[in-house]
Amino acid sequence: MSDTPTPDVEIDSRGAACPGPLMDLIGKVKEVDAGTTIELLTSDEGSKNDVPEWLEEAGHELLEVQAEDDYWAIYIETT
């Protein structure tokens, strides 16, 4: 069992279609300080690919992607 990161902020985008979850994340990243751990909850399958791609381009760190029953929990650390 992995050590799940402890989020400072949670974004619940379950039920939102692409690009909603990514746009929710981008908006929140602009509001928080560097070093903030964000948990993005998304039921959009595209997010598990879109979010890591955006993080790499934007320079933030992907900590973990966890598959749950009907959604994904994506953990990010802002830089």
Protein backbone atom coordinates (compact mmCIF):
# COMPACT_ATOMS: atom_id res chain seq x y z
CA MET A 1 0.00 0.00 0.00
CA SER A 2 1.37 3.39 -0.96
CA ASP A 3 1.57 6.44 1.24
CA THR A 4 -1.15 8.67 -0.17
CA PRO A 5 -0.14 12.33 -0.17
CA THR A 6 -2.03 14.53 2.28
CA PRO A 7 -3.74 17.27 0.26
CA ASP A 8 -3.88 20.89 1.36
CA VAL A 9 -6.68 21.53 -1.16
CA GLU A 10 -9.29 19.21 -2.72
CA ILE A 11 -10.97 19.84 -6.06
CA ASP A 12 -13.99 17.62 -6.66
CA SER A 13 -14.59 17.61 -10.42
CA ARG A 14 -16.36 14.27 -10.55
CA GLY A 15 -19.12 14.37 -13.14
CA ALA A 16 -17.48 17.16 -15.17
CA ALA A 17 -16.51 16.38 -18.76
CA CYS A 18 -13.21 17.27 -20.39
CA PRO A 19 -11.75 19.89 -20.17
CA GLY A 20 -13.61 20.78 -16.96
CA PRO A 21 -11.40 18.96 -14.44
CA LEU A 22 -8.21 20.34 -16.01
CA MET A 23 -9.63 23.87 -16.09
CA ASP A 24 -10.67 23.54 -12.42
CA LEU A 25 -7.10 22.49 -11.59
CA ILE A 26 -5.52 25.32 -13.57
CA GLY A 27 -7.74 27.86 -11.83
CA LYS A 28 -6.85 26.53 -8.39
CA VAL A 29 -3.10 26.36 -9.14
CA LYS A 30 -3.20 30.10 -9.87
CA GLU A 31 -4.67 30.76 -6.40
CA VAL A 32 -2.35 28.72 -4.17
CA ASP A 33 1.24 29.09 -3.01
CA ALA A 34 4.15 27.00 -4.26
CA GLY A 35 4.45 23.73 -2.37
CA THR A 36 0.69 23.26 -2.05
CA THR A 37 -0.53 19.69 -2.47
CA ILE A 38 -3.77 19.48 -4.46
CA GLU A 39 -6.04 16.46 -4.78
CA LEU A 40 -8.10 16.47 -7.99
CA LEU A 41 -11.03 14.05 -8.01
CA THR A 42 -12.23 13.33 -11.55
CA SER A 43 -14.47 10.79 -13.23
CA ASP A 44 -13.31 11.93 -16.69
CA GLU A 45 -10.96 9.24 -18.04
CA GLY A 46 -9.12 11.76 -20.22
CA SER A 47 -7.93 13.59 -17.11
CA LYS A 48 -5.50 10.82 -16.17
CA ASN A 49 -3.59 11.70 -19.37
CA ASP A 50 -4.38 15.42 -19.77
CA VAL A 51 -3.44 16.45 -16.24
CA PRO A 52 0.06 14.88 -16.22
CA GLU A 53 0.78 16.39 -19.66
CA TRP A 54 -0.24 19.85 -18.47
CA LEU A 55 1.73 19.49 -15.23
CA GLU A 56 4.88 18.68 -17.18
CA GLU A 57 4.42 21.71 -19.42
CA ALA A 58 3.58 24.00 -16.49
CA GLY A 59 6.41 22.72 -14.28
CA HIS A 60 4.35 21.28 -11.44
CA GLU A 61 4.90 17.84 -9.93
CA LEU A 62 2.63 14.83 -10.33
CA LEU A 63 2.76 12.98 -7.01
CA GLU A 64 0.35 10.11 -7.63
CA VAL A 65 -2.65 8.92 -9.63
CA GLN A 66 -4.98 6.55 -7.78
CA ALA A 67 -7.77 4.65 -9.50
CA GLU A 68 -10.86 4.42 -7.31
CA ASP A 69 -14.10 2.56 -8.14
CA ASP A 70 -15.58 5.19 -10.46
CA TYR A 71 -13.09 8.07 -10.45
CA TRP A 72 -9.40 8.96 -10.19
CA ALA A 73 -7.63 10.86 -7.43
CA ILE A 74 -4.72 12.83 -8.88
CA TYR A 75 -2.25 14.40 -6.48
CA ILE A 76 -0.23 17.43 -7.55
CA GLU A 77 2.37 19.61 -5.87
CA THR A 78 2.64 23.17 -7.12
CA THR A 79 6.02 24.76 -7.77
